[in-house]
């Protein structure tokens, strides 16, 4: 009987660990997407900074285009 109880306990623990691994895998995938997006933002900011230091004007992205009238 104790062996059966031990087996059931081990199977339960394995099942719990498998669920935990699946959940963590999903979190890692989500965080990887966030890291990639942040890295792209940093790349764009560095490029913008280089242009500014080179004396090129930086176009603001929050202004209305002239053809919209305004």
PDB file of N, CA and C in Angstrom:
ATOM      1  N   UNK A   1       0.797  -1.197   0.000  1.00  0.00           N
ATOM      2  CA  UNK A   1       0.000   0.000   0.000  1.00  0.00           C
ATOM      3  C   UNK A   1       0.850   1.276   0.000  1.00  0.00           C
ATOM      4  N   UNK A   2       1.877   1.348   0.814  1.00  0.00           N
ATOM      5  CA  UNK A   2       2.684   2.572   0.813  1.00  0.00           C
ATOM      6  C   UNK A   2       3.289   2.860  -0.570  1.00  0.00           C
ATOM      7  N   UNK A   3       3.634   1.819  -1.322  1.00  0.00           N
ATOM      8  CA  UNK A   3       4.191   2.048  -2.656  1.00  0.00           C
ATOM      9  C   UNK A   3       3.161   2.682  -3.585  1.00  0.00           C
ATOM     10  N   UNK A   4       1.904   2.260  -3.464  1.00  0.00           N
ATOM     11  CA  UNK A   4       0.839   2.848  -4.286  1.00  0.00           C
ATOM     12  C   UNK A   4       0.644   4.326  -3.936  1.00  0.00           C
ATOM     13  N   UNK A   5       0.661   4.613  -2.656  1.00  0.00           N
ATOM     14  CA  UNK A   5       0.493   6.000  -2.202  1.00  0.00           C
ATOM     15  C   UNK A   5       1.660   6.852  -2.711  1.00  0.00           C
ATOM     16  N   UNK A   6       2.845   6.322  -2.632  1.00  0.00           N
ATOM     17  CA  UNK A   6       4.040   7.043  -3.103  1.00  0.00           C
ATOM     18  C   UNK A   6       3.957   7.282  -4.610  1.00  0.00           C
ATOM     19  N   UNK A   7       3.513   6.268  -5.352  1.00  0.00           N
ATOM     20  CA  UNK A   7       3.381   6.396  -6.797  1.00  0.00           C
ATOM     21  C   UNK A   7       2.364   7.480  -7.148  1.00  0.00           C
ATOM     22  N   UNK A   8       1.235   7.465  -6.487  1.00  0.00           N
ATOM     23  CA  UNK A   8       0.197   8.473  -6.722  1.00  0.00           C
ATOM     24  C   UNK A   8       0.730   9.863  -6.385  1.00  0.00           C
ATOM     25  N   UNK A   9       1.459   9.971  -5.292  1.00  0.00           N
ATOM     26  CA  UNK A   9       2.043  11.256  -4.897  1.00  0.00           C
ATOM     27  C   UNK A   9       3.024  11.747  -5.963  1.00  0.00           C
ATOM     28  N   UNK A  10       3.876  10.856  -6.441  1.00  0.00           N
ATOM     29  CA  UNK A  10       4.849  11.241  -7.475  1.00  0.00           C
ATOM     30  C   UNK A  10       4.156  11.631  -8.775  1.00  0.00           C
ATOM     31  N   UNK A  11       3.124  10.892  -9.149  1.00  0.00           N
ATOM     32  CA  UNK A  11       2.380  11.239 -10.364  1.00  0.00           C
ATOM     33  C   UNK A  11       1.708  12.600 -10.231  1.00  0.00           C
ATOM     34  N   UNK A  12       1.188  12.887  -9.058  1.00  0.00           N
ATOM     35  CA  UNK A  12       0.561  14.189  -8.811  1.00  0.00           C
ATOM     36  C   UNK A  12       1.586  15.309  -8.923  1.00  0.00           C
ATOM     37  N   UNK A  13       2.735  15.081  -8.336  1.00  0.00           N
ATOM     38  CA  UNK A  13       3.792  16.097  -8.406  1.00  0.00           C
ATOM     39  C   UNK A  13       4.251  16.314  -9.841  1.00  0.00           C
ATOM     40  N   UNK A  14       4.396  15.235 -10.585  1.00  0.00           N
ATOM     41  CA  UNK A  14       4.813  15.360 -11.991  1.00  0.00           C
ATOM     42  C   UNK A  14       3.771  16.151 -12.778  1.00  0.00           C
ATOM     43  N   UNK A  15       2.504  15.866 -12.569  1.00  0.00           N
ATOM     44  CA  UNK A  15       1.432  16.584 -13.263  1.00  0.00           C
ATOM     45  C   UNK A  15       1.476  18.077 -12.930  1.00  0.00           C
ATOM     46  N   UNK A  16       1.681  18.378 -11.647  1.00  0.00           N
ATOM     47  CA  UNK A  16       1.763  19.776 -11.231  1.00  0.00           C
ATOM     48  C   UNK A  16       2.970  20.463 -11.890  1.00  0.00           C
ATOM     49  N   UNK A  17       4.096  19.783 -11.936  1.00  0.00           N
ATOM     50  CA  UNK A  17       5.293  20.350 -12.548  1.00  0.00           C
ATOM     51  C   UNK A  17       5.100  20.568 -14.049  1.00  0.00           C
ATOM     52  N   UNK A  18       4.412  19.649 -14.702  1.00  0.00           N
ATOM     53  CA  UNK A  18       4.134  19.808 -16.131  1.00  0.00           C
ATOM     54  C   UNK A  18       3.262  21.033 -16.382  1.00  0.00           C
ATOM     55  N   UNK A  19       2.250  21.248 -15.542  1.00  0.00           N
ATOM     56  CA  UNK A  19       1.399  22.445 -15.684  1.00  0.00           C
ATOM     57  C   UNK A  19       2.216  23.710 -15.439  1.00  0.00           C
ATOM     58  N   UNK A  20       3.087  23.661 -14.457  1.00  0.00           N
ATOM     59  CA  UNK A  20       3.936  24.815 -14.160  1.00  0.00           C
ATOM     60  C   UNK A  20       4.860  25.131 -15.329  1.00  0.00           C
ATOM     61  N   UNK A  21       5.440  24.106 -15.916  1.00  0.00           N
ATOM     62  CA  UNK A  21       6.332  24.298 -17.061  1.00  0.00           C
ATOM     63  C   UNK A  21       5.573  24.923 -18.234  1.00  0.00           C
ATOM     64  N   UNK A  22       4.374  24.440 -18.494  1.00  0.00           N
ATOM     65  CA  UNK A  22       3.560  25.001 -19.577  1.00  0.00           C
ATOM     66  C   UNK A  22       3.258  26.479 -19.320  1.00  0.00           C
ATOM     67  N   UNK A  23       2.888  26.799 -18.091  1.00  0.00           N
ATOM     68  CA  UNK A  23       2.584  28.193 -17.753  1.00  0.00           C
ATOM     69  C   UNK A  23       3.814  29.074 -17.901  1.00  0.00           C
ATOM     70  N   UNK A  24       4.946  28.596 -17.427  1.00  0.00           N
ATOM     71  CA  UNK A  24       6.181  29.370 -17.527  1.00  0.00           C
ATOM     72  C   UNK A  24       6.619  29.532 -18.977  1.00  0.00           C
ATOM     73  N   UNK A  25       6.401  28.504 -19.767  1.00  0.00           N
ATOM     74  CA  UNK A  25       6.747  28.584 -21.186  1.00  0.00           C
ATOM     75  C   UNK A  25       5.949  29.700 -21.867  1.00  0.00           C
ATOM     76  N   UNK A  26       4.672  29.792 -21.537  1.00  0.00           N
ATOM     77  CA  UNK A  26       3.842  30.866 -22.084  1.00  0.00           C
ATOM     78  C   UNK A  26       4.319  32.230 -21.645  1.00  0.00           C
ATOM     79  N   UNK A  27       4.711  32.341 -20.390  1.00  0.00           N
ATOM     80  CA  UNK A  27       5.222  33.617 -19.880  1.00  0.00           C
ATOM     81  C   UNK A  27       6.521  34.011 -20.584  1.00  0.00           C
ATOM     82  N   UNK A  28       7.385  33.044 -20.778  1.00  0.00           N
ATOM     83  CA  UNK A  28       8.656  33.323 -21.453  1.00  0.00           C
ATOM     84  C   UNK A  28       8.398  33.799 -22.882  1.00  0.00           C
ATOM     85  N   UNK A  29       7.462  33.164 -23.571  1.00  0.00           N
ATOM     86  CA  UNK A  29       7.137  33.573 -24.939  1.00  0.00           C
ATOM     87  C   UNK A  29       6.604  35.001 -24.968  1.00  0.00           C
ATOM     88  N   UNK A  30       5.741  35.329 -24.033  1.00  0.00           N
ATOM     89  CA  UNK A  30       5.199  36.692 -23.950  1.00  0.00           C
ATOM     90  C   UNK A  30       6.306  37.700 -23.669  1.00  0.00           C
ATOM     91  N   UNK A  31       7.174  37.373 -22.733  1.00  0.00           N
ATOM     92  CA  UNK A  31       8.259  38.282 -22.396  1.00  0.00           C
ATOM     93  C   UNK A  31       9.245  38.434 -23.544  1.00  0.00           C
ATOM     94  N   UNK A  32       9.457  37.385 -24.307  1.00  0.00           N
ATOM     95  CA  UNK A  32      10.358  37.474 -25.459  1.00  0.00           C
ATOM     96  C   UNK A  32       9.810  38.465 -26.481  1.00  0.00           C
ATOM     97  N   UNK A  33       8.500  38.430 -26.708  1.00  0.00           N
ATOM     98  CA  UNK A  33       7.887  39.395 -27.627  1.00  0.00           C
ATOM     99  C   UNK A  33       8.059  40.817 -27.104  1.00  0.00           C
ATOM    100  N   UNK A  34       7.896  40.985 -25.798  1.00  0.00           N
ATOM    101  CA  UNK A  34       8.066  42.314 -25.206  1.00  0.00           C
ATOM    102  C   UNK A  34       9.512  42.784 -25.328  1.00  0.00           C
ATOM    103  N   UNK A  35      10.457  41.905 -25.100  1.00  0.00           N
ATOM    104  CA  UNK A  35      11.871  42.249 -25.214  1.00  0.00           C
ATOM    105  C   UNK A  35      12.191  42.662 -26.655  1.00  0.00           C
ATOM    106  N   UNK A  36      11.660  41.924 -27.617  1.00  0.00           N
ATOM    107  CA  UNK A  36      11.912  42.253 -29.017  1.00  0.00           C
ATOM    108  C   UNK A  36      11.337  43.618 -29.366  1.00  0.00           C
ATOM    109  N   UNK A  37      10.134  43.922 -28.875  1.00  0.00           N
ATOM    110  CA  UNK A  37       9.526  45.230 -29.128  1.00  0.00           C
ATOM    111  C   UNK A  37      10.336  46.342 -28.479  1.00  0.00           C
ATOM    112  N   UNK A  38      10.795  46.112 -27.258  1.00  0.00           N
ATOM    113  CA  UNK A  38      11.612  47.118 -26.576  1.00  0.00           C
ATOM    114  C   UNK A  38      12.950  47.322 -27.275  1.00  0.00           C
ATOM    115  N   UNK A  39      13.547  46.242 -27.751  1.00  0.00           N
ATOM    116  CA  UNK A  39      14.814  46.353 -28.472  1.00  0.00           C
ATOM    117  C   UNK A  39      14.631  47.172 -29.747  1.00  0.00           C
ATOM    118  N   UNK A  40      13.519  46.983 -30.426  1.00  0.00           N
ATOM    119  CA  UNK A  40      13.245  47.775 -31.631  1.00  0.00           C
ATOM    120  C   UNK A  40      13.058  49.248 -31.269  1.00  0.00           C
ATOM    121  N   UNK A  41      12.375  49.519 -30.165  1.00  0.00           N
ATOM    122  CA  UNK A  41      12.211  50.909 -29.718  1.00  0.00           C
ATOM    123  C   UNK A  41      13.563  51.543 -29.412  1.00  0.00           C
ATOM    124  N   UNK A  42      14.428  50.806 -28.748  1.00  0.00           N
ATOM    125  CA  UNK A  42      15.762  51.317 -28.430  1.00  0.00           C
ATOM    126  C   UNK A  42      16.538  51.581 -29.722  1.00  0.00           C
ATOM    127  N   UNK A  43      16.441  50.656 -30.673  1.00  0.00           N
ATOM    128  CA  UNK A  43      17.137  50.834 -31.944  1.00  0.00           C
ATOM    129  C   UNK A  43      16.662  52.118 -32.637  1.00  0.00           C
ATOM    130  N   UNK A  44      15.361  52.352 -32.642  1.00  0.00           N
ATOM    131  CA  UNK A  44      14.822  53.563 -33.262  1.00  0.00           C
ATOM    132  C   UNK A  44      15.279  54.824 -32.522  1.00  0.00           C
ATOM    133  N   UNK A  45      15.303  54.757 -31.199  1.00  0.00           N
ATOM    134  CA  UNK A  45      15.755  55.915 -30.421  1.00  0.00           C
ATOM    135  C   UNK A  45      17.229  56.214 -30.658  1.00  0.00           C
ATOM    136  N   UNK A  46      18.041  55.169 -30.749  1.00  0.00           N
ATOM    137  CA  UNK A  46      19.470  55.365 -31.024  1.00  0.00           C
ATOM    138  C   UNK A  46      19.651  55.994 -32.393  1.00  0.00           C
ATOM    139  N   UNK A  47      18.902  55.514 -33.368  1.00  0.00           N
ATOM    140  CA  UNK A  47      18.988  56.087 -34.714  1.00  0.00           C
ATOM    141  C   UNK A  47      18.556  57.547 -34.709  1.00  0.00           C
ATOM    142  N   UNK A  48      17.500  57.845 -33.984  1.00  0.00           N
ATOM    143  CA  UNK A  48      17.032  59.224 -33.874  1.00  0.00           C
ATOM    144  C   UNK A  48      18.090  60.105 -33.212  1.00  0.00           C
ATOM    145  N   UNK A  49      18.724  59.609 -32.189  1.00  0.00           N
ATOM    146  CA  UNK A  49      19.774  60.358 -31.495  1.00  0.00           C
ATOM    147  C   UNK A  49      20.963  60.604 -32.414  1.00  0.00           C
ATOM    148  N   UNK A  50      21.355  59.602 -33.184  1.00  0.00           N
ATOM    149  CA  UNK A  50      22.459  59.780 -34.139  1.00  0.00           C
ATOM    150  C   UNK A  50      22.143  60.860 -35.163  1.00  0.00           C
ATOM    151  N   UNK A  51      20.920  60.840 -35.653  1.00  0.00           N
ATOM    152  CA  UNK A  51      20.517  61.870 -36.628  1.00  0.00           C
ATOM    153  C   UNK A  51      20.558  63.258 -36.000  1.00  0.00           C
ATOM    154  N   UNK A  52      20.087  63.352 -34.773  1.00  0.00           N
ATOM    155  CA  UNK A  52      20.068  64.640 -34.092  1.00  0.00           C
ATOM    156  C   UNK A  52      21.492  65.143 -33.879  1.00  0.00           C
ATOM    157  N   UNK A  53      22.388  64.259 -33.472  1.00  0.00           N
ATOM    158  CA  UNK A  53      23.777  64.662 -33.253  1.00  0.00           C
ATOM    159  C   UNK A  53      24.466  65.034 -34.552  1.00  0.00           C
ATOM    160  N   UNK A  54      24.009  64.453 -35.657  1.00  0.00           N
ATOM    161  CA  UNK A  54      24.583  64.775 -36.967  1.00  0.00           C
ATOM    162  C   UNK A  54      23.999  66.069 -37.522  1.00  0.00           C
ATOM    163  N   UNK A  55      23.060  66.651 -36.819  1.00  0.00           N
ATOM    164  CA  UNK A  55      22.478  67.916 -37.232  1.00  0.00           C
ATOM    165  C   UNK A  55      21.246  67.772 -38.099  1.00  0.00           C
ATOM    166  N   UNK A  56      20.799  66.572 -38.326  1.00  0.00           N
ATOM    167  CA  UNK A  56      19.589  66.384 -39.110  1.00  0.00           C
ATOM    168  C   UNK A  56      18.377  66.704 -38.244  1.00  0.00           C
ATOM    169  N   UNK A  57      17.385  67.375 -38.807  1.00  0.00           N
ATOM    170  CA  UNK A  57      16.185  67.651 -38.005  1.00  0.00           C
ATOM    171  C   UNK A  57      15.401  66.370 -37.758  1.00  0.00           C
ATOM    172  N   UNK A  58      14.799  66.307 -36.609  1.00  0.00           N
ATOM    173  CA  UNK A  58      13.966  65.159 -36.260  1.00  0.00           C
ATOM    174  C   UNK A  58      12.515  65.581 -36.434  1.00  0.00           C
ATOM    175  N   UNK A  59      11.804  64.818 -37.236  1.00  0.00           N
ATOM    176  CA  UNK A  59      10.402  65.133 -37.469  1.00  0.00           C
ATOM    177  C   UNK A  59       9.560  64.586 -36.323  1.00  0.00           C
ATOM    178  N   UNK A  60       8.764  65.443 -35.703  1.00  0.00           N
ATOM    179  CA  UNK A  60       7.885  64.936 -34.651  1.00  0.00           C
ATOM    180  C   UNK A  60       6.773  64.101 -35.274  1.00  0.00           C
ATOM    181  N   UNK A  61       6.394  63.049 -34.604  1.00  0.00           N
ATOM    182  CA  UNK A  61       5.367  62.159 -35.140  1.00  0.00           C
ATOM    183  C   UNK A  61       3.981  62.494 -34.616  1.00  0.00           C
ATOM    184  N   UNK A  62       3.901  63.498 -33.766  1.00  0.00           N
ATOM    185  CA  UNK A  62       2.596  63.818 -33.196  1.00  0.00           C
ATOM    186  C   UNK A  62       2.013  65.111 -33.753  1.00  0.00           C
ATOM    187  N   UNK A  63       2.558  65.607 -34.855  1.00  0.00           N
ATOM    188  CA  UNK A  63       2.018  66.815 -35.473  1.00  0.00           C
ATOM    189  C   UNK A  63       1.204  66.427 -36.699  1.00  0.00           C
ATOM    190  N   UNK A  64       0.255  67.260 -37.037  1.00  0.00           N
ATOM    191  CA  UNK A  64      -0.606  66.985 -38.190  1.00  0.00           C
ATOM    192  C   UNK A  64       0.159  67.319 -39.478  1.00  0.00           C
ATOM    193  N   UNK A  65       0.027  66.500 -40.485  1.00  0.00           N
ATOM    194  CA  UNK A  65       0.666  66.801 -41.766  1.00  0.00           C
ATOM    195  C   UNK A  65       0.083  68.072 -42.377  1.00  0.00           C
ATOM    196  N   UNK A  66       0.905  68.803 -43.133  1.00  0.00           N
ATOM    197  CA  UNK A  66       0.433  70.078 -43.703  1.00  0.00           C
ATOM    198  C   UNK A  66      -0.801  69.905 -44.591  1.00  0.00           C
ATOM    199  N   UNK A  67      -0.938  68.816 -45.300  1.00  0.00           N
ATOM    200  CA  UNK A  67      -2.067  68.641 -46.219  1.00  0.00           C
ATOM    201  C   UNK A  67      -3.389  68.415 -45.485  1.00  0.00           C
ATOM    202  N   UNK A  68      -3.360  68.258 -44.196  1.00  0.00           N
ATOM    203  CA  UNK A  68      -4.599  68.115 -43.437  1.00  0.00           C
ATOM    204  C   UNK A  68      -5.221  69.484 -43.159  1.00  0.00           C
ATOM    205  N   UNK A  69      -4.466  70.510 -43.427  1.00  0.00           N
ATOM    206  CA  UNK A  69      -4.957  71.860 -43.147  1.00  0.00           C
ATOM    207  C   UNK A  69      -5.030  72.106 -41.656  1.00  0.00           C
ATOM    208  N   UNK A  70      -4.553  73.131 -41.236  1.00  0.00           N
ATOM    209  CA  UNK A  70      -4.642  73.182 -39.816  1.00  0.00           C
ATOM    210  C   UNK A  70      -3.963  74.293 -39.203  1.00  0.00           C
TER     211      UNK A  70
END
